[in-house]
């Protein structure tokens, strides 16, 4: 499994991906973000699914970018083309994969800004090659292990937040996932793209670099629970008169 998250804000896009690869009982580390950084032409792709499908689709897509890059002046066109390469891999490999008991299940997050995009765009691409755009109503998308990080983002994240706030929220969503499952782990890779900068800043973080943030969050969460104004809940520990009367009758 995996954890890949994309967030769209009014000032840009933030992405975060873990690097754990699980194959049977073996675990390895591998990058899950593919980036293209050119003048007025920058985007990233994060994937969740079979590694062999991902690598083949990315290889085909890289070849297309090298040969036809000038044809892509809006991000949706690049998303369409990556979808075409996933369909190509499906034609070549889906039947044999499914015959071997494996599911063809490559999900992708594509974010970036090309020269004719008025602002950075963020898309969720399905294994069938179709996509949806992530907009400010729900300004984030997770692929892979999505259940544990989503509550934090739904409670805290708004489209109007800063990129710094979005990155902090992304980290906490990752941490909530990491401590809940055994197939998501450090190191993590992040990408940050500011509006009209056409430059993705990509960074890798090891666990030792950021473990103090996780410890701080854990401490603050415990403190918040201890100081929660929840006196009304004390009623749960008190036997009321009707309960006492029933117990005496029994």
C-alpha atoms as a PDB file:
ATOM      1  CA  UNK A   1       0.000   0.000   0.000  1.00  0.00           C
ATOM      2  CA  UNK A   2       1.043   3.639   0.022  1.00  0.00           C
ATOM      3  CA  UNK A   3       0.191   7.152   1.127  1.00  0.00           C
ATOM      4  CA  UNK A   4       0.149   9.950  -1.454  1.00  0.00           C
ATOM      5  CA  UNK A   5      -1.570  13.261  -0.781  1.00  0.00           C
ATOM      6  CA  UNK A   6      -2.165  16.336  -2.915  1.00  0.00           C
ATOM      7  CA  UNK A   7      -3.517  19.634  -1.542  1.00  0.00           C
ATOM      8  CA  UNK A   8      -4.674  22.648  -3.550  1.00  0.00           C
ATOM      9  CA  UNK A   9      -4.750  26.073  -1.877  1.00  0.00           C
ATOM     10  CA  UNK A  10      -5.322  29.609  -3.107  1.00  0.00           C
ATOM     11  CA  UNK A  11      -1.541  30.126  -3.278  1.00  0.00           C
ATOM     12  CA  UNK A  12      -0.393  26.838  -4.772  1.00  0.00           C
ATOM     13  CA  UNK A  13      -0.148  23.070  -4.388  1.00  0.00           C
ATOM     14  CA  UNK A  14       1.461  20.794  -1.799  1.00  0.00           C
ATOM     15  CA  UNK A  15       2.132  17.089  -2.269  1.00  0.00           C
ATOM     16  CA  UNK A  16       3.455  14.419   0.100  1.00  0.00           C
ATOM     17  CA  UNK A  17       4.258  10.747  -0.489  1.00  0.00           C
ATOM     18  CA  UNK A  18       5.755   7.976   1.586  1.00  0.00           C
ATOM     19  CA  UNK A  19       8.414   5.722   0.085  1.00  0.00           C
ATOM     20  CA  UNK A  20       7.698   2.256   1.489  1.00  0.00           C
ATOM     21  CA  UNK A  21       7.327  -0.554  -1.036  1.00  0.00           C
ATOM     22  CA  UNK A  22       5.940  -3.874   0.214  1.00  0.00           C
ATOM     23  CA  UNK A  23       6.350  -7.085  -1.774  1.00  0.00           C
ATOM     24  CA  UNK A  24       5.251 -10.167   0.132  1.00  0.00           C
ATOM     25  CA  UNK A  25       7.252 -10.158   3.351  1.00  0.00           C
ATOM     26  CA  UNK A  26       9.924  -7.814   1.983  1.00  0.00           C
ATOM     27  CA  UNK A  27       9.937  -4.028   2.337  1.00  0.00           C
ATOM     28  CA  UNK A  28      12.080  -1.561   0.413  1.00  0.00           C
ATOM     29  CA  UNK A  29      12.222   2.183  -0.173  1.00  0.00           C
ATOM     30  CA  UNK A  30      11.445   3.780  -3.514  1.00  0.00           C
ATOM     31  CA  UNK A  31      10.433   7.216  -4.748  1.00  0.00           C
ATOM     32  CA  UNK A  32       6.761   7.570  -5.715  1.00  0.00           C
ATOM     33  CA  UNK A  33       6.879  11.092  -7.205  1.00  0.00           C
ATOM     34  CA  UNK A  34       7.823  11.826 -10.813  1.00  0.00           C
ATOM     35  CA  UNK A  35       8.497  15.514 -11.588  1.00  0.00           C
ATOM     36  CA  UNK A  36       8.968  17.659 -14.676  1.00  0.00           C
ATOM     37  CA  UNK A  37      10.478  21.113 -14.156  1.00  0.00           C
ATOM     38  CA  UNK A  38      10.846  23.300 -17.236  1.00  0.00           C
ATOM     39  CA  UNK A  39      10.324  26.955 -18.049  1.00  0.00           C
ATOM     40  CA  UNK A  40       6.601  27.717 -17.595  1.00  0.00           C
ATOM     41  CA  UNK A  41       6.017  23.976 -17.683  1.00  0.00           C
ATOM     42  CA  UNK A  42       6.093  22.044 -14.425  1.00  0.00           C
ATOM     43  CA  UNK A  43       4.122  19.187 -12.932  1.00  0.00           C
ATOM     44  CA  UNK A  44       4.377  16.074 -10.764  1.00  0.00           C
ATOM     45  CA  UNK A  45       2.790  12.615 -10.744  1.00  0.00           C
ATOM     46  CA  UNK A  46       2.299  10.506  -7.616  1.00  0.00           C
ATOM     47  CA  UNK A  47       1.064   6.927  -7.916  1.00  0.00           C
ATOM     48  CA  UNK A  48      -0.458   4.150  -5.839  1.00  0.00           C
ATOM     49  CA  UNK A  49      -0.746   0.609  -7.120  1.00  0.00           C
ATOM     50  CA  UNK A  50       1.380  -2.110  -8.675  1.00  0.00           C
ATOM     51  CA  UNK A  51       4.978  -0.964  -9.006  1.00  0.00           C
ATOM     52  CA  UNK A  52       5.447  -2.731 -12.342  1.00  0.00           C
ATOM     53  CA  UNK A  53       2.445  -0.926 -13.832  1.00  0.00           C
ATOM     54  CA  UNK A  54       3.631   2.412 -12.485  1.00  0.00           C
ATOM     55  CA  UNK A  55       7.181   2.022 -13.809  1.00  0.00           C
ATOM     56  CA  UNK A  56       6.022   0.961 -17.257  1.00  0.00           C
ATOM     57  CA  UNK A  57       3.462   3.772 -17.566  1.00  0.00           C
ATOM     58  CA  UNK A  58       5.993   6.374 -16.382  1.00  0.00           C
ATOM     59  CA  UNK A  59       8.602   5.051 -18.833  1.00  0.00           C
ATOM     60  CA  UNK A  60       6.166   5.312 -21.743  1.00  0.00           C
ATOM     61  CA  UNK A  61       5.009   8.743 -20.610  1.00  0.00           C
ATOM     62  CA  UNK A  62       8.579  10.039 -20.241  1.00  0.00           C
ATOM     63  CA  UNK A  63       9.225   9.046 -23.839  1.00  0.00           C
ATOM     64  CA  UNK A  64       6.131  10.953 -24.959  1.00  0.00           C
ATOM     65  CA  UNK A  65       7.218  14.032 -22.994  1.00  0.00           C
ATOM     66  CA  UNK A  66      10.663  13.930 -24.604  1.00  0.00           C
ATOM     67  CA  UNK A  67       9.186  13.716 -28.099  1.00  0.00           C
ATOM     68  CA  UNK A  68       5.978  15.776 -27.854  1.00  0.00           C
ATOM     69  CA  UNK A  69       6.410  18.098 -24.894  1.00  0.00           C
ATOM     70  CA  UNK A  70       5.446  21.196 -26.907  1.00  0.00           C
ATOM     71  CA  UNK A  71       1.983  19.719 -27.487  1.00  0.00           C
ATOM     72  CA  UNK A  72       1.115  20.063 -23.808  1.00  0.00           C
ATOM     73  CA  UNK A  73       0.283  23.663 -22.859  1.00  0.00           C
ATOM     74  CA  UNK A  74      -2.366  22.851 -20.220  1.00  0.00           C
ATOM     75  CA  UNK A  75      -2.080  20.281 -17.478  1.00  0.00           C
ATOM     76  CA  UNK A  76      -5.248  18.408 -18.405  1.00  0.00           C
ATOM     77  CA  UNK A  77      -3.609  17.500 -21.722  1.00  0.00           C
ATOM     78  CA  UNK A  78      -0.664  15.940 -19.899  1.00  0.00           C
ATOM     79  CA  UNK A  79      -3.115  14.121 -17.603  1.00  0.00           C
ATOM     80  CA  UNK A  80      -4.958  12.787 -20.652  1.00  0.00           C
ATOM     81  CA  UNK A  81      -1.712  11.526 -22.142  1.00  0.00           C
ATOM     82  CA  UNK A  82      -0.625   9.804 -18.947  1.00  0.00           C
ATOM     83  CA  UNK A  83      -4.050   8.176 -18.894  1.00  0.00           C
ATOM     84  CA  UNK A  84      -3.415   6.965 -22.444  1.00  0.00           C
ATOM     85  CA  UNK A  85      -0.171   5.340 -21.342  1.00  0.00           C
ATOM     86  CA  UNK A  86      -1.945   3.594 -18.448  1.00  0.00           C
ATOM     87  CA  UNK A  87      -4.478   2.243 -20.955  1.00  0.00           C
ATOM     88  CA  UNK A  88      -1.580   1.078 -23.120  1.00  0.00           C
ATOM     89  CA  UNK A  89      -0.073  -0.826 -20.200  1.00  0.00           C
ATOM     90  CA  UNK A  90      -3.505  -2.283 -19.414  1.00  0.00           C
ATOM     91  CA  UNK A  91      -3.789  -3.677 -22.950  1.00  0.00           C
ATOM     92  CA  UNK A  92      -0.353  -5.218 -22.650  1.00  0.00           C
ATOM     93  CA  UNK A  93      -0.398  -6.550 -19.086  1.00  0.00           C
ATOM     94  CA  UNK A  94      -3.837  -6.505 -17.438  1.00  0.00           C
ATOM     95  CA  UNK A  95      -4.933  -9.970 -18.549  1.00  0.00           C
ATOM     96  CA  UNK A  96      -1.721 -11.671 -17.444  1.00  0.00           C
ATOM     97  CA  UNK A  97      -1.671  -9.776 -14.133  1.00  0.00           C
ATOM     98  CA  UNK A  98      -5.226 -10.755 -13.313  1.00  0.00           C
ATOM     99  CA  UNK A  99      -4.537 -14.345 -14.359  1.00  0.00           C
ATOM    100  CA  UNK A 100      -1.789 -14.299 -11.739  1.00  0.00           C
ATOM    101  CA  UNK A 101      -4.152 -13.021  -9.077  1.00  0.00           C
ATOM    102  CA  UNK A 102      -3.028  -9.369  -9.193  1.00  0.00           C
ATOM    103  CA  UNK A 103      -5.304  -6.365  -9.652  1.00  0.00           C
ATOM    104  CA  UNK A 104      -4.620  -3.644 -12.224  1.00  0.00           C
ATOM    105  CA  UNK A 105      -5.114  -0.713  -9.863  1.00  0.00           C
ATOM    106  CA  UNK A 106      -2.878   2.257 -10.603  1.00  0.00           C
ATOM    107  CA  UNK A 107      -4.284   5.484  -9.138  1.00  0.00           C
ATOM    108  CA  UNK A 108      -2.431   8.754  -9.742  1.00  0.00           C
ATOM    109  CA  UNK A 109      -2.363  12.329  -8.484  1.00  0.00           C
ATOM    110  CA  UNK A 110      -1.208  14.865 -11.064  1.00  0.00           C
ATOM    111  CA  UNK A 111      -0.501  18.453 -10.061  1.00  0.00           C
ATOM    112  CA  UNK A 112       1.219  21.373 -11.721  1.00  0.00           C
ATOM    113  CA  UNK A 113       0.957  24.414 -13.948  1.00  0.00           C
ATOM    114  CA  UNK A 114       1.673  24.659 -17.666  1.00  0.00           C
ATOM    115  CA  UNK A 115       2.046  27.855 -19.652  1.00  0.00           C
ATOM    116  CA  UNK A 116      -1.645  28.307 -20.495  1.00  0.00           C
ATOM    117  CA  UNK A 117      -3.027  27.287 -17.099  1.00  0.00           C
ATOM    118  CA  UNK A 118      -4.271  30.344 -15.199  1.00  0.00           C
ATOM    119  CA  UNK A 119      -3.323  28.647 -11.921  1.00  0.00           C
ATOM    120  CA  UNK A 120      -1.899  25.313 -10.759  1.00  0.00           C
ATOM    121  CA  UNK A 121      -4.236  22.362 -11.301  1.00  0.00           C
ATOM    122  CA  UNK A 122      -4.653  19.130  -9.352  1.00  0.00           C
ATOM    123  CA  UNK A 123      -6.201  15.925 -10.740  1.00  0.00           C
ATOM    124  CA  UNK A 124      -7.032  12.439  -9.512  1.00  0.00           C
ATOM    125  CA  UNK A 125      -6.486   9.918 -12.313  1.00  0.00           C
ATOM    126  CA  UNK A 126      -8.224   6.526 -12.151  1.00  0.00           C
ATOM    127  CA  UNK A 127      -6.851   3.177 -13.445  1.00  0.00           C
ATOM    128  CA  UNK A 128      -9.250   3.427 -16.398  1.00  0.00           C
ATOM    129  CA  UNK A 129      -7.517   6.640 -17.531  1.00  0.00           C
ATOM    130  CA  UNK A 130     -10.313   9.099 -16.673  1.00  0.00           C
ATOM    131  CA  UNK A 131      -9.836  11.878 -14.129  1.00  0.00           C
ATOM    132  CA  UNK A 132     -11.510  14.424 -11.862  1.00  0.00           C
ATOM    133  CA  UNK A 133     -10.205  17.866 -10.915  1.00  0.00           C
ATOM    134  CA  UNK A 134      -9.622  18.658  -7.232  1.00  0.00           C
ATOM    135  CA  UNK A 135     -11.192  22.030  -6.450  1.00  0.00           C
ATOM    136  CA  UNK A 136     -11.550  24.292  -3.443  1.00  0.00           C
ATOM    137  CA  UNK A 137     -14.740  22.646  -2.125  1.00  0.00           C
ATOM    138  CA  UNK A 138     -12.682  19.618  -1.040  1.00  0.00           C
ATOM    139  CA  UNK A 139      -9.121  20.817  -1.677  1.00  0.00           C
ATOM    140  CA  UNK A 140      -7.246  17.553  -1.158  1.00  0.00           C
ATOM    141  CA  UNK A 141      -7.017  13.998  -2.432  1.00  0.00           C
ATOM    142  CA  UNK A 142      -5.348  10.887  -0.970  1.00  0.00           C
ATOM    143  CA  UNK A 143      -4.530   7.680  -2.809  1.00  0.00           C
ATOM    144  CA  UNK A 144      -3.499   4.477  -1.083  1.00  0.00           C
ATOM    145  CA  UNK A 145      -4.285   4.405   2.622  1.00  0.00           C
ATOM    146  CA  UNK A 146      -6.819   7.225   2.785  1.00  0.00           C
ATOM    147  CA  UNK A 147      -8.968   6.502   5.823  1.00  0.00           C
ATOM    148  CA  UNK A 148      -6.686   7.525   8.676  1.00  0.00           C
ATOM    149  CA  UNK A 149      -5.453  10.898   7.389  1.00  0.00           C
ATOM    150  CA  UNK A 150      -8.752  12.160   5.974  1.00  0.00           C
ATOM    151  CA  UNK A 151     -10.366  13.161   9.333  1.00  0.00           C
ATOM    152  CA  UNK A 152      -7.485  15.523  10.175  1.00  0.00           C
ATOM    153  CA  UNK A 153      -7.703  17.212   6.787  1.00  0.00           C
ATOM    154  CA  UNK A 154     -11.493  17.527   6.870  1.00  0.00           C
ATOM    155  CA  UNK A 155     -11.344  19.180  10.281  1.00  0.00           C
ATOM    156  CA  UNK A 156      -8.435  21.541   9.652  1.00  0.00           C
ATOM    157  CA  UNK A 157      -7.873  22.247   5.983  1.00  0.00           C
ATOM    158  CA  UNK A 158      -9.485  24.980   3.906  1.00  0.00           C
ATOM    159  CA  UNK A 159      -8.674  26.218   0.421  1.00  0.00           C
ATOM    160  CA  UNK A 160      -7.773  29.619   1.885  1.00  0.00           C
ATOM    161  CA  UNK A 161      -4.951  28.255   4.084  1.00  0.00           C
ATOM    162  CA  UNK A 162      -1.284  28.999   3.398  1.00  0.00           C
ATOM    163  CA  UNK A 163       1.078  26.503   1.813  1.00  0.00           C
ATOM    164  CA  UNK A 164       2.873  26.231   5.162  1.00  0.00           C
ATOM    165  CA  UNK A 165      -0.378  25.284   6.909  1.00  0.00           C
ATOM    166  CA  UNK A 166      -1.184  22.812   4.148  1.00  0.00           C
ATOM    167  CA  UNK A 167       2.233  21.140   4.504  1.00  0.00           C
ATOM    168  CA  UNK A 168       1.814  20.833   8.284  1.00  0.00           C
ATOM    169  CA  UNK A 169      -1.625  19.299   7.772  1.00  0.00           C
ATOM    170  CA  UNK A 170      -0.203  16.903   5.178  1.00  0.00           C
ATOM    171  CA  UNK A 171       2.475  15.778   7.625  1.00  0.00           C
ATOM    172  CA  UNK A 172      -0.070  15.134  10.383  1.00  0.00           C
ATOM    173  CA  UNK A 173      -2.281  13.183   7.969  1.00  0.00           C
ATOM    174  CA  UNK A 174       0.725  11.058   7.040  1.00  0.00           C
ATOM    175  CA  UNK A 175       1.626  10.510  10.711  1.00  0.00           C
ATOM    176  CA  UNK A 176      -1.942   9.435  11.522  1.00  0.00           C
ATOM    177  CA  UNK A 177      -1.675   6.886   8.728  1.00  0.00           C
ATOM    178  CA  UNK A 178       1.830   5.692   9.602  1.00  0.00           C
ATOM    179  CA  UNK A 179       0.968   4.802  13.193  1.00  0.00           C
ATOM    180  CA  UNK A 180      -2.198   2.984  12.073  1.00  0.00           C
ATOM    181  CA  UNK A 181      -0.786   0.684   9.370  1.00  0.00           C
ATOM    182  CA  UNK A 182       2.460  -1.177   8.759  1.00  0.00           C
ATOM    183  CA  UNK A 183       2.871  -0.511   5.035  1.00  0.00           C
ATOM    184  CA  UNK A 184       3.352   3.282   5.111  1.00  0.00           C
ATOM    185  CA  UNK A 185       6.608   4.706   6.436  1.00  0.00           C
ATOM    186  CA  UNK A 186       9.530   7.134   6.179  1.00  0.00           C
ATOM    187  CA  UNK A 187      11.299   8.669   4.462  1.00  0.00           C
ATOM    188  CA  UNK A 188       8.736  11.024   2.938  1.00  0.00           C
ATOM    189  CA  UNK A 189       8.999  13.169  -0.178  1.00  0.00           C
ATOM    190  CA  UNK A 190       7.275  16.533  -0.489  1.00  0.00           C
ATOM    191  CA  UNK A 191       6.607  18.805  -3.451  1.00  0.00           C
ATOM    192  CA  UNK A 192       5.603  22.472  -3.217  1.00  0.00           C
ATOM    193  CA  UNK A 193       4.467  24.587  -6.165  1.00  0.00           C
ATOM    194  CA  UNK A 194       3.560  28.251  -5.710  1.00  0.00           C
ATOM    195  CA  UNK A 195       1.183  29.963  -8.130  1.00  0.00           C
ATOM    196  CA  UNK A 196       2.926  31.122 -11.318  1.00  0.00           C
ATOM    197  CA  UNK A 197       6.380  30.072 -10.074  1.00  0.00           C
ATOM    198  CA  UNK A 198       6.633  27.172 -12.558  1.00  0.00           C
ATOM    199  CA  UNK A 199       9.132  25.562 -10.209  1.00  0.00           C
ATOM    200  CA  UNK A 200       8.430  22.516  -8.052  1.00  0.00           C
ATOM    201  CA  UNK A 201      10.528  22.369  -4.893  1.00  0.00           C
ATOM    202  CA  UNK A 202      11.081  18.721  -4.031  1.00  0.00           C
ATOM    203  CA  UNK A 203      12.415  17.656  -0.618  1.00  0.00           C
ATOM    204  CA  UNK A 204      13.014  14.365   1.192  1.00  0.00           C
ATOM    205  CA  UNK A 205      12.616  14.097   4.978  1.00  0.00           C
ATOM    206  CA  UNK A 206      14.034  11.292   7.098  1.00  0.00           C
ATOM    207  CA  UNK A 207      12.221  10.282  10.277  1.00  0.00           C
ATOM    208  CA  UNK A 208      14.877  11.703  12.612  1.00  0.00           C
ATOM    209  CA  UNK A 209      14.470  15.146  11.018  1.00  0.00           C
ATOM    210  CA  UNK A 210      10.765  15.412  11.821  1.00  0.00           C
ATOM    211  CA  UNK A 211      10.142  13.067  14.766  1.00  0.00           C
ATOM    212  CA  UNK A 212      10.110  16.050  17.156  1.00  0.00           C
ATOM    213  CA  UNK A 213       7.063  17.378  15.282  1.00  0.00           C
ATOM    214  CA  UNK A 214       5.228  14.087  15.766  1.00  0.00           C
ATOM    215  CA  UNK A 215       6.163  14.049  19.471  1.00  0.00           C
ATOM    216  CA  UNK A 216       4.954  17.642  19.855  1.00  0.00           C
ATOM    217  CA  UNK A 217       1.636  16.743  18.204  1.00  0.00           C
ATOM    218  CA  UNK A 218       1.169  13.682  20.411  1.00  0.00           C
ATOM    219  CA  UNK A 219       1.810  15.736  23.552  1.00  0.00           C
ATOM    220  CA  UNK A 220      -0.549  18.523  22.498  1.00  0.00           C
ATOM    221  CA  UNK A 221      -3.248  16.001  21.599  1.00  0.00           C
ATOM    222  CA  UNK A 222      -3.048  14.393  25.051  1.00  0.00           C
ATOM    223  CA  UNK A 223      -3.098  17.824  26.694  1.00  0.00           C
ATOM    224  CA  UNK A 224      -6.162  18.773  24.663  1.00  0.00           C
ATOM    225  CA  UNK A 225      -7.974  15.620  25.782  1.00  0.00           C
ATOM    226  CA  UNK A 226      -7.086  16.243  29.429  1.00  0.00           C
ATOM    227  CA  UNK A 227      -8.279  19.859  29.299  1.00  0.00           C
ATOM    228  CA  UNK A 228     -11.368  19.212  27.181  1.00  0.00           C
ATOM    229  CA  UNK A 229     -14.378  21.111  28.666  1.00  0.00           C
ATOM    230  CA  UNK A 230     -16.377  17.901  28.902  1.00  0.00           C
ATOM    231  CA  UNK A 231     -17.857  17.963  32.403  1.00  0.00           C
ATOM    232  CA  UNK A 232     -21.191  16.886  30.954  1.00  0.00           C
ATOM    233  CA  UNK A 233     -19.625  13.529  30.114  1.00  0.00           C
ATOM    234  CA  UNK A 234     -19.176  12.815  33.834  1.00  0.00           C
ATOM    235  CA  UNK A 235     -22.822  11.786  33.796  1.00  0.00           C
ATOM    236  CA  UNK A 236     -21.632   8.564  32.156  1.00  0.00           C
ATOM    237  CA  UNK A 237     -20.000   7.563  35.466  1.00  0.00           C
ATOM    238  CA  UNK A 238     -22.972   8.372  37.719  1.00  0.00           C
ATOM    239  CA  UNK A 239     -25.805   5.997  38.546  1.00  0.00           C
ATOM    240  CA  UNK A 240     -29.064   7.969  38.325  1.00  0.00           C
ATOM    241  CA  UNK A 241     -32.167   7.393  40.446  1.00  0.00           C
ATOM    242  CA  UNK A 242     -34.079   5.377  37.824  1.00  0.00           C
ATOM    243  CA  UNK A 243     -31.158   3.004  37.317  1.00  0.00           C
ATOM    244  CA  UNK A 244     -30.766   2.583  41.081  1.00  0.00           C
ATOM    245  CA  UNK A 245     -34.492   1.841  41.449  1.00  0.00           C
ATOM    246  CA  UNK A 246     -34.339  -0.844  38.750  1.00  0.00           C
ATOM    247  CA  UNK A 247     -31.298  -2.452  40.320  1.00  0.00           C
ATOM    248  CA  UNK A 248     -33.046  -2.622  43.730  1.00  0.00           C
ATOM    249  CA  UNK A 249     -36.124  -4.232  42.168  1.00  0.00           C
ATOM    250  CA  UNK A 250     -34.016  -6.883  40.503  1.00  0.00           C
END
